Structures are given as structure tokens and as C-alpha cells.
Amino acid sequence: MPARRSLFKLARRAIALGTLLAIVAIARYPGGTMLDHSTSGYSFFHNFLSDLGMTVAHDGQPNTLGSTLFISSLCLLVVGGGGCLVGFVRLYSESPRSRTFARIAGVIGLVVCASFIGVAVTPENRMLGLHVKFTLFAFRVFPAVTLFLVFATIASDLFPRRVAFVWGLLTVALAAYVVVLTWGPGLTTPEGLVTQVTAQKIIAVVSMTTFVYLSFEAESRQSAVG
């Protein structure tokens, strides 16, 4: 039990450090957006998170330090989220009724984590096509992970109903983002860019916040039964 609790703690620390590095990368971003290369600095509503990983910013200035920080940030967030997922799968696997659902979620989750690492190491200014493919694949598969965790929670007698409800809300949010990402407004207009950029940031915050919150729930249940 203590080892698993420490896994959740380490995962949360990775998420916290990854978030801090992303903030520093934002502060270091030279400027420019997809539609306007003349802007200065990072725009919350006009710059994608992936813009931080560009080795040369949209305004033509080098972004070597910022891109390094972004790659490190995203990798840490993947490690943190993946660590939480491993902890969830192990905990759910203690119940025979929820074990299959949890392990399916774990396998799919590993694929999603690998895809986000792909996003990190393919700067959009150098490998845009591959970067977009990794991004689309990761987000389109992600809802399957949380959906199977909904099933695992329902099948398990370890967690209260609110945990299944929270996993369900995250699944709906992820599915809604996939709809926006796939069929939402295009990036050729300012309104479309704002919509896509804002939706991306919302789902990033919601996803990480949910994983952190549920990691505390998991530790609480471990303590109760331990």
C-alpha cells in the first residue's frame, strides 16, 4: 500500500513540475500566432500549447529554450498522468470484477501516452504533418481510457459512486473535444483559431485536474481498506 501511495505522490509532483515548466515556456515564447506573425509574446486565446514547442516561433525568432522547456513539460505531464493511470489500474485490478476493464484502460492508456510523447518530439514548425497525426490520434483514443475506467469503477466495490461520475464527466469532456477538434471551426479564421485554442486549453486543464483529484480519492480508499 505505501508504495502505491508514493506512486500517486510522485505522479502529482511530475504533473506540478510539468505545469511549472509550461508556464516558463509561455513566458519565454517570442511571439506570433498562426494567423498573425506580428504579435508579441504568447496569447492565451490565439496560441496553441504546441506553439511552445516550435524551435522557431511564428514571428521568425528562435525559441530553442522555450521548445526544450515545452518538450520537458509535456514529457513530465505524460509521466505524471501515466503514473496515475498505473496506480488506478493496479488498484482496480484487485477486484476480479473490475480487473478486465482496468487492464484494457491501461493498455489503451499506454498507447495514448506514447502518442503524446510523439507530439512532444515532433515540433510543428519542422514536422507539422506527423505532429498533427500524433495529436489527433492521442485525443481520439483518450476517451476510451476514461470510459473503461468508468466501467471499472462501477464494477468495483472500492470506490463511491462519485468517482464513476467524475470519470464519466471526463469522458464526456474528452468526447466533446474530439468533436470540436474534428468537426469544429477551421483555423483559417480568427474565430476558428480562438475556438480551437481555447478548447485545447480547457481539456488540458480538465484532464490533469481530474487525474490529480482522483489520485487523492485512490489514496483515500487505499488508506480506508489498508
C-alpha atoms as a PDB file:
ATOM      1  CA  MET A   1       0.000   0.000   0.000  1.00  0.00           C
ATOM      2  CA  PRO A   2       2.655   2.652   0.877  1.00  0.00           C
ATOM      3  CA  ALA A   3       4.433   2.014  -2.446  1.00  0.00           C
ATOM      4  CA  ARG A   4       1.252   2.713  -4.383  1.00  0.00           C
ATOM      5  CA  ARG A   5       0.528   5.830  -2.410  1.00  0.00           C
ATOM      6  CA  SER A   6       4.040   7.064  -3.182  1.00  0.00           C
ATOM      7  CA  LEU A   7       3.403   6.365  -6.882  1.00  0.00           C
ATOM      8  CA  PHE A   8       0.449   8.753  -6.849  1.00  0.00           C
ATOM      9  CA  LYS A   9       2.516  11.343  -4.983  1.00  0.00           C
ATOM     10  CA  LEU A  10       5.376  11.077  -7.465  1.00  0.00           C
ATOM     11  CA  ALA A  11       2.893  11.364 -10.328  1.00  0.00           C
ATOM     12  CA  ARG A  12       1.403  14.545  -8.854  1.00  0.00           C
ATOM     13  CA  ARG A  13       4.861  16.018  -8.430  1.00  0.00           C
ATOM     14  CA  ALA A  14       5.637  15.271 -12.073  1.00  0.00           C
ATOM     15  CA  ILE A  15       2.397  16.995 -13.102  1.00  0.00           C
ATOM     16  CA  ALA A  16       3.210  20.007 -10.908  1.00  0.00           C
ATOM     17  CA  LEU A  17       6.732  20.317 -12.314  1.00  0.00           C
ATOM     18  CA  GLY A  18       5.474  19.847 -15.868  1.00  0.00           C
ATOM     19  CA  THR A  19       2.942  22.611 -15.334  1.00  0.00           C
ATOM     20  CA  LEU A  20       5.630  24.923 -13.957  1.00  0.00           C
ATOM     21  CA  LEU A  21       7.892  24.304 -16.966  1.00  0.00           C
ATOM     22  CA  ALA A  22       4.978  25.030 -19.315  1.00  0.00           C
ATOM     23  CA  ILE A  23       4.420  28.376 -17.581  1.00  0.00           C
ATOM     24  CA  VAL A  24       8.103  29.237 -18.017  1.00  0.00           C
ATOM     25  CA  ALA A  25       7.910  28.184 -21.681  1.00  0.00           C
ATOM     26  CA  ILE A  26       4.943  30.531 -22.117  1.00  0.00           C
ATOM     27  CA  ALA A  27       6.967  33.379 -20.606  1.00  0.00           C
ATOM     28  CA  ARG A  28       9.840  32.610 -22.988  1.00  0.00           C
ATOM     29  CA  TYR A  29       7.756  32.394 -26.174  1.00  0.00           C
ATOM     30  CA  PRO A  30       8.946  35.175 -28.556  1.00  0.00           C
ATOM     31  CA  GLY A  31       5.689  35.880 -30.364  1.00  0.00           C
ATOM     32  CA  GLY A  32       3.495  35.320 -33.360  1.00  0.00           C
ATOM     33  CA  THR A  33       0.399  33.202 -33.962  1.00  0.00           C
ATOM     34  CA  MET A  34      -0.726  31.001 -36.805  1.00  0.00           C
ATOM     35  CA  LEU A  35      -2.683  33.855 -38.399  1.00  0.00           C
ATOM     36  CA  ASP A  36      -0.681  36.881 -37.242  1.00  0.00           C
ATOM     37  CA  HIS A  37       3.122  36.655 -37.155  1.00  0.00           C
ATOM     38  CA  SER A  38       3.492  40.206 -35.817  1.00  0.00           C
ATOM     39  CA  THR A  39       2.158  39.674 -32.281  1.00  0.00           C
ATOM     40  CA  SER A  40       4.487  39.818 -29.290  1.00  0.00           C
ATOM     41  CA  GLY A  41       4.679  37.105 -26.653  1.00  0.00           C
ATOM     42  CA  TYR A  42       2.247  34.258 -26.044  1.00  0.00           C
ATOM     43  CA  SER A  43      -1.503  34.764 -26.491  1.00  0.00           C
ATOM     44  CA  PHE A  44      -3.720  32.546 -24.338  1.00  0.00           C
ATOM     45  CA  PHE A  45      -6.536  32.637 -26.909  1.00  0.00           C
ATOM     46  CA  HIS A  46      -4.507  32.611 -30.132  1.00  0.00           C
ATOM     47  CA  ASN A  47      -1.524  30.322 -29.487  1.00  0.00           C
ATOM     48  CA  PHE A  48      -1.803  26.555 -29.179  1.00  0.00           C
ATOM     49  CA  LEU A  49       0.180  24.817 -26.474  1.00  0.00           C
ATOM     50  CA  SER A  50       2.111  23.128 -29.283  1.00  0.00           C
ATOM     51  CA  ASP A  51       3.335  26.556 -30.429  1.00  0.00           C
ATOM     52  CA  LEU A  52       5.575  26.475 -27.357  1.00  0.00           C
ATOM     53  CA  GLY A  53       7.412  23.505 -28.842  1.00  0.00           C
ATOM     54  CA  MET A  54       8.373  25.294 -32.052  1.00  0.00           C
ATOM     55  CA  THR A  55      12.136  25.705 -32.404  1.00  0.00           C
ATOM     56  CA  VAL A  56      11.424  28.876 -34.380  1.00  0.00           C
ATOM     57  CA  ALA A  57       8.342  30.845 -33.307  1.00  0.00           C
ATOM     58  CA  HIS A  58       5.679  32.127 -35.667  1.00  0.00           C
ATOM     59  CA  ASP A  59       7.354  35.549 -35.670  1.00  0.00           C
ATOM     60  CA  GLY A  60      10.570  34.024 -37.044  1.00  0.00           C
ATOM     61  CA  GLN A  61      12.593  34.304 -33.844  1.00  0.00           C
ATOM     62  CA  PRO A  62      14.435  31.304 -32.350  1.00  0.00           C
ATOM     63  CA  ASN A  63      12.675  29.524 -29.498  1.00  0.00           C
ATOM     64  CA  THR A  64      15.321  26.982 -28.521  1.00  0.00           C
ATOM     65  CA  LEU A  65      14.995  27.295 -24.752  1.00  0.00           C
ATOM     66  CA  GLY A  66      11.210  27.538 -24.877  1.00  0.00           C
ATOM     67  CA  SER A  67      10.877  24.447 -27.054  1.00  0.00           C
ATOM     68  CA  THR A  68      13.177  22.490 -24.742  1.00  0.00           C
ATOM     69  CA  LEU A  69      11.097  23.529 -21.755  1.00  0.00           C
ATOM     70  CA  PHE A  70       7.895  22.543 -23.555  1.00  0.00           C
ATOM     71  CA  ILE A  71       9.221  19.100 -24.517  1.00  0.00           C
ATOM     72  CA  SER A  72      10.318  18.522 -20.915  1.00  0.00           C
ATOM     73  CA  SER A  73       6.969  19.811 -19.662  1.00  0.00           C
ATOM     74  CA  LEU A  74       4.860  17.556 -21.875  1.00  0.00           C
ATOM     75  CA  CYS A  75       7.010  14.515 -21.107  1.00  0.00           C
ATOM     76  CA  LEU A  76       6.635  15.161 -17.374  1.00  0.00           C
ATOM     77  CA  LEU A  77       2.876  15.570 -17.737  1.00  0.00           C
ATOM     78  CA  VAL A  78       2.717  12.284 -19.636  1.00  0.00           C
ATOM     79  CA  VAL A  79       4.804  10.582 -16.935  1.00  0.00           C
ATOM     80  CA  GLY A  80       2.561  12.058 -14.247  1.00  0.00           C
ATOM     81  CA  GLY A  81      -0.678  11.123 -15.966  1.00  0.00           C
ATOM     82  CA  GLY A  82       0.698   7.711 -16.892  1.00  0.00           C
ATOM     83  CA  GLY A  83       1.847   7.142 -13.321  1.00  0.00           C
ATOM     84  CA  CYS A  84      -1.633   7.918 -12.034  1.00  0.00           C
ATOM     85  CA  LEU A  85      -3.085   5.548 -14.614  1.00  0.00           C
ATOM     86  CA  VAL A  86      -0.762   2.738 -13.497  1.00  0.00           C
ATOM     87  CA  GLY A  87      -1.851   3.344  -9.911  1.00  0.00           C
ATOM     88  CA  PHE A  88      -5.527   3.271 -10.886  1.00  0.00           C
ATOM     89  CA  VAL A  89      -5.108   0.060 -12.896  1.00  0.00           C
ATOM     90  CA  ARG A  90      -3.304  -1.703 -10.060  1.00  0.00           C
ATOM     91  CA  LEU A  91      -5.946  -0.662  -7.569  1.00  0.00           C
ATOM     92  CA  TYR A  92      -8.888  -1.637  -9.761  1.00  0.00           C
ATOM     93  CA  SER A  93      -7.192  -4.943 -10.629  1.00  0.00           C
ATOM     94  CA  GLU A  94      -7.520  -6.079  -7.034  1.00  0.00           C
ATOM     95  CA  SER A  95     -11.186  -6.766  -7.772  1.00  0.00           C
ATOM     96  CA  PRO A  96     -11.869  -9.628 -10.220  1.00  0.00           C
ATOM     97  CA  ARG A  97     -14.984  -7.851 -11.491  1.00  0.00           C
ATOM     98  CA  SER A  98     -13.142  -4.664 -12.459  1.00  0.00           C
ATOM     99  CA  ARG A  99      -9.783  -6.170 -13.438  1.00  0.00           C
ATOM    100  CA  THR A 100     -10.509  -6.674 -17.139  1.00  0.00           C
ATOM    101  CA  PHE A 101     -11.895  -3.159 -17.599  1.00  0.00           C
ATOM    102  CA  ALA A 102      -8.905  -1.676 -15.757  1.00  0.00           C
ATOM    103  CA  ARG A 103      -6.329  -3.575 -17.769  1.00  0.00           C
ATOM    104  CA  ILE A 104      -7.957  -2.603 -21.061  1.00  0.00           C
ATOM    105  CA  ALA A 105      -7.846   1.016 -19.914  1.00  0.00           C
ATOM    106  CA  GLY A 106      -4.181   0.556 -19.041  1.00  0.00           C
ATOM    107  CA  VAL A 107      -3.222  -0.868 -22.430  1.00  0.00           C
ATOM    108  CA  ILE A 108      -5.055   1.874 -24.319  1.00  0.00           C
ATOM    109  CA  GLY A 109      -3.593   4.432 -21.941  1.00  0.00           C
ATOM    110  CA  LEU A 110      -0.050   3.360 -22.784  1.00  0.00           C
ATOM    111  CA  VAL A 111      -0.815   3.963 -26.466  1.00  0.00           C
ATOM    112  CA  VAL A 112      -2.175   7.424 -25.637  1.00  0.00           C
ATOM    113  CA  CYS A 113       0.910   8.253 -23.552  1.00  0.00           C
ATOM    114  CA  ALA A 114       3.203   7.150 -26.390  1.00  0.00           C
ATOM    115  CA  SER A 115       1.226   9.338 -28.801  1.00  0.00           C
ATOM    116  CA  PHE A 116       1.620  12.410 -26.583  1.00  0.00           C
ATOM    117  CA  ILE A 117       5.367  11.749 -26.400  1.00  0.00           C
ATOM    118  CA  GLY A 118       5.209  11.759 -30.197  1.00  0.00           C
ATOM    119  CA  VAL A 119       3.525  15.167 -30.013  1.00  0.00           C
ATOM    120  CA  ALA A 120       6.349  16.444 -27.805  1.00  0.00           C
ATOM    121  CA  VAL A 121       9.217  15.339 -30.054  1.00  0.00           C
ATOM    122  CA  THR A 122       7.745  16.497 -33.387  1.00  0.00           C
ATOM    123  CA  PRO A 123       7.887  20.326 -33.431  1.00  0.00           C
ATOM    124  CA  GLU A 124       5.099  21.699 -35.590  1.00  0.00           C
ATOM    125  CA  ASN A 125       7.466  24.014 -37.496  1.00  0.00           C
ATOM    126  CA  ARG A 126       9.590  21.023 -38.582  1.00  0.00           C
ATOM    127  CA  MET A 127       7.252  18.019 -38.682  1.00  0.00           C
ATOM    128  CA  LEU A 128       3.762  19.500 -38.859  1.00  0.00           C
ATOM    129  CA  GLY A 129       2.098  16.537 -40.568  1.00  0.00           C
ATOM    130  CA  LEU A 130       3.417  13.992 -38.075  1.00  0.00           C
ATOM    131  CA  HIS A 131       2.740  16.340 -35.164  1.00  0.00           C
ATOM    132  CA  VAL A 132      -0.907  16.721 -36.179  1.00  0.00           C
ATOM    133  CA  LYS A 133      -1.325  12.959 -36.662  1.00  0.00           C
ATOM    134  CA  PHE A 134       0.026  12.221 -33.180  1.00  0.00           C
ATOM    135  CA  THR A 135      -2.222  14.914 -31.694  1.00  0.00           C
ATOM    136  CA  LEU A 136      -5.405  13.741 -33.408  1.00  0.00           C
ATOM    137  CA  PHE A 137      -4.746  10.086 -32.610  1.00  0.00           C
ATOM    138  CA  ALA A 138      -3.988  10.764 -28.931  1.00  0.00           C
ATOM    139  CA  PHE A 139      -7.119  12.788 -28.303  1.00  0.00           C
ATOM    140  CA  ARG A 140      -9.394  10.499 -30.313  1.00  0.00           C
ATOM    141  CA  VAL A 141      -8.298   7.439 -28.330  1.00  0.00           C
ATOM    142  CA  PHE A 142      -8.094   9.115 -24.913  1.00  0.00           C
ATOM    143  CA  PRO A 143     -11.874   8.919 -24.224  1.00  0.00           C
ATOM    144  CA  ALA A 144     -11.712   5.114 -24.454  1.00  0.00           C
ATOM    145  CA  VAL A 145      -9.301   5.065 -21.495  1.00  0.00           C
ATOM    146  CA  THR A 146     -11.600   7.005 -19.211  1.00  0.00           C
ATOM    147  CA  LEU A 147     -14.692   5.139 -20.429  1.00  0.00           C
ATOM    148  CA  PHE A 148     -13.198   1.801 -19.391  1.00  0.00           C
ATOM    149  CA  LEU A 149     -12.287   3.352 -16.047  1.00  0.00           C
ATOM    150  CA  VAL A 150     -15.960   4.273 -15.651  1.00  0.00           C
ATOM    151  CA  PHE A 151     -16.818   0.591 -16.190  1.00  0.00           C
ATOM    152  CA  ALA A 152     -14.056  -0.484 -13.789  1.00  0.00           C
ATOM    153  CA  THR A 153     -15.358   1.858 -11.092  1.00  0.00           C
ATOM    154  CA  ILE A 154     -18.923   0.623 -11.459  1.00  0.00           C
ATOM    155  CA  ALA A 155     -17.774  -2.999 -11.300  1.00  0.00           C
ATOM    156  CA  SER A 156     -15.560  -2.372  -8.270  1.00  0.00           C
ATOM    157  CA  ASP A 157     -16.875  -2.042  -4.729  1.00  0.00           C
ATOM    158  CA  LEU A 158     -13.868   0.031  -3.673  1.00  0.00           C
ATOM    159  CA  PHE A 159     -14.945   3.496  -4.805  1.00  0.00           C
ATOM    160  CA  PRO A 160     -18.058   5.577  -4.117  1.00  0.00           C
ATOM    161  CA  ARG A 161     -20.383   6.427  -6.995  1.00  0.00           C
ATOM    162  CA  ARG A 162     -18.981   9.935  -7.306  1.00  0.00           C
ATOM    163  CA  VAL A 163     -15.732   8.527  -8.707  1.00  0.00           C
ATOM    164  CA  ALA A 164     -17.572   6.843 -11.580  1.00  0.00           C
ATOM    165  CA  PHE A 165     -19.440  10.116 -12.116  1.00  0.00           C
ATOM    166  CA  VAL A 166     -16.170  12.081 -12.327  1.00  0.00           C
ATOM    167  CA  TRP A 167     -14.654   9.582 -14.777  1.00  0.00           C
ATOM    168  CA  GLY A 168     -17.864   9.874 -16.774  1.00  0.00           C
ATOM    169  CA  LEU A 169     -17.687  13.668 -16.863  1.00  0.00           C
ATOM    170  CA  LEU A 170     -14.095  13.494 -18.094  1.00  0.00           C
ATOM    171  CA  THR A 171     -15.135  11.019 -20.789  1.00  0.00           C
ATOM    172  CA  VAL A 172     -17.890  13.361 -21.973  1.00  0.00           C
ATOM    173  CA  ALA A 173     -15.482  16.326 -21.946  1.00  0.00           C
ATOM    174  CA  LEU A 174     -12.888  14.407 -23.962  1.00  0.00           C
ATOM    175  CA  ALA A 175     -15.505  13.223 -26.456  1.00  0.00           C
ATOM    176  CA  ALA A 176     -16.791  16.794 -26.824  1.00  0.00           C
ATOM    177  CA  TYR A 177     -13.258  17.998 -27.503  1.00  0.00           C
ATOM    178  CA  VAL A 178     -12.831  15.339 -30.190  1.00  0.00           C
ATOM    179  CA  VAL A 179     -15.982  16.693 -31.858  1.00  0.00           C
ATOM    180  CA  VAL A 180     -14.585  20.243 -31.778  1.00  0.00           C
ATOM    181  CA  LEU A 181     -11.172  19.070 -32.941  1.00  0.00           C
ATOM    182  CA  THR A 182     -12.569  17.051 -35.835  1.00  0.00           C
ATOM    183  CA  TRP A 183     -15.664  18.954 -36.962  1.00  0.00           C
ATOM    184  CA  GLY A 184     -15.308  22.328 -35.260  1.00  0.00           C
ATOM    185  CA  PRO A 185     -14.426  25.628 -36.940  1.00  0.00           C
ATOM    186  CA  GLY A 186     -11.264  25.686 -39.030  1.00  0.00           C
ATOM    187  CA  LEU A 187      -8.051  27.542 -38.286  1.00  0.00           C
ATOM    188  CA  THR A 188      -8.266  29.910 -41.239  1.00  0.00           C
ATOM    189  CA  THR A 189     -10.358  32.499 -39.387  1.00  0.00           C
ATOM    190  CA  PRO A 190      -9.646  34.330 -36.102  1.00  0.00           C
ATOM    191  CA  GLU A 191     -12.876  32.982 -34.590  1.00  0.00           C
ATOM    192  CA  GLY A 192     -12.000  29.400 -35.525  1.00  0.00           C
ATOM    193  CA  LEU A 193      -8.494  29.757 -34.101  1.00  0.00           C
ATOM    194  CA  VAL A 194      -9.800  31.140 -30.808  1.00  0.00           C
ATOM    195  CA  THR A 195     -12.325  28.300 -30.527  1.00  0.00           C
ATOM    196  CA  GLN A 196      -9.762  25.563 -31.144  1.00  0.00           C
ATOM    197  CA  VAL A 197      -7.079  27.121 -28.931  1.00  0.00           C
ATOM    198  CA  THR A 198      -9.479  27.725 -26.044  1.00  0.00           C
ATOM    199  CA  ALA A 199     -10.945  24.219 -26.288  1.00  0.00           C
ATOM    200  CA  GLN A 200      -7.461  22.705 -26.205  1.00  0.00           C
ATOM    201  CA  LYS A 201      -6.504  24.559 -23.049  1.00  0.00           C
ATOM    202  CA  ILE A 202      -9.786  23.709 -21.327  1.00  0.00           C
ATOM    203  CA  ILE A 203      -9.422  19.983 -21.982  1.00  0.00           C
ATOM    204  CA  ALA A 204      -5.775  20.008 -20.898  1.00  0.00           C
ATOM    205  CA  VAL A 205      -6.642  21.639 -17.565  1.00  0.00           C
ATOM    206  CA  VAL A 206      -9.728  19.460 -17.026  1.00  0.00           C
ATOM    207  CA  SER A 207      -7.819  16.245 -17.776  1.00  0.00           C
ATOM    208  CA  MET A 208      -4.868  16.955 -15.479  1.00  0.00           C
ATOM    209  CA  THR A 209      -7.089  18.306 -12.701  1.00  0.00           C
ATOM    210  CA  THR A 210      -9.302  15.219 -12.846  1.00  0.00           C
ATOM    211  CA  PHE A 211      -6.347  12.828 -12.683  1.00  0.00           C
ATOM    212  CA  VAL A 212      -4.905  14.697  -9.700  1.00  0.00           C
ATOM    213  CA  TYR A 213      -8.258  14.783  -7.878  1.00  0.00           C
ATOM    214  CA  LEU A 214      -8.906  11.079  -8.462  1.00  0.00           C
ATOM    215  CA  SER A 215      -5.381  10.203  -7.340  1.00  0.00           C
ATOM    216  CA  PHE A 216      -6.309  11.657  -3.942  1.00  0.00           C
ATOM    217  CA  GLU A 217      -9.533   9.628  -3.994  1.00  0.00           C
ATOM    218  CA  ALA A 218      -7.493   6.498  -4.723  1.00  0.00           C
ATOM    219  CA  GLU A 219      -5.099   7.188  -1.862  1.00  0.00           C
ATOM    220  CA  SER A 220      -8.037   7.777   0.447  1.00  0.00           C
ATOM    221  CA  ARG A 221      -9.615   4.446  -0.447  1.00  0.00           C
ATOM    222  CA  GLN A 222      -6.282   2.659  -0.017  1.00  0.00           C
ATOM    223  CA  SER A 223      -5.949   4.130   3.442  1.00  0.00           C
ATOM    224  CA  ALA A 224      -9.513   3.131   4.336  1.00  0.00           C
ATOM    225  CA  VAL A 225      -9.009  -0.506   3.357  1.00  0.00           C
ATOM    226  CA  GLY A 226      -5.361  -0.697   4.409  1.00  0.00           C
END
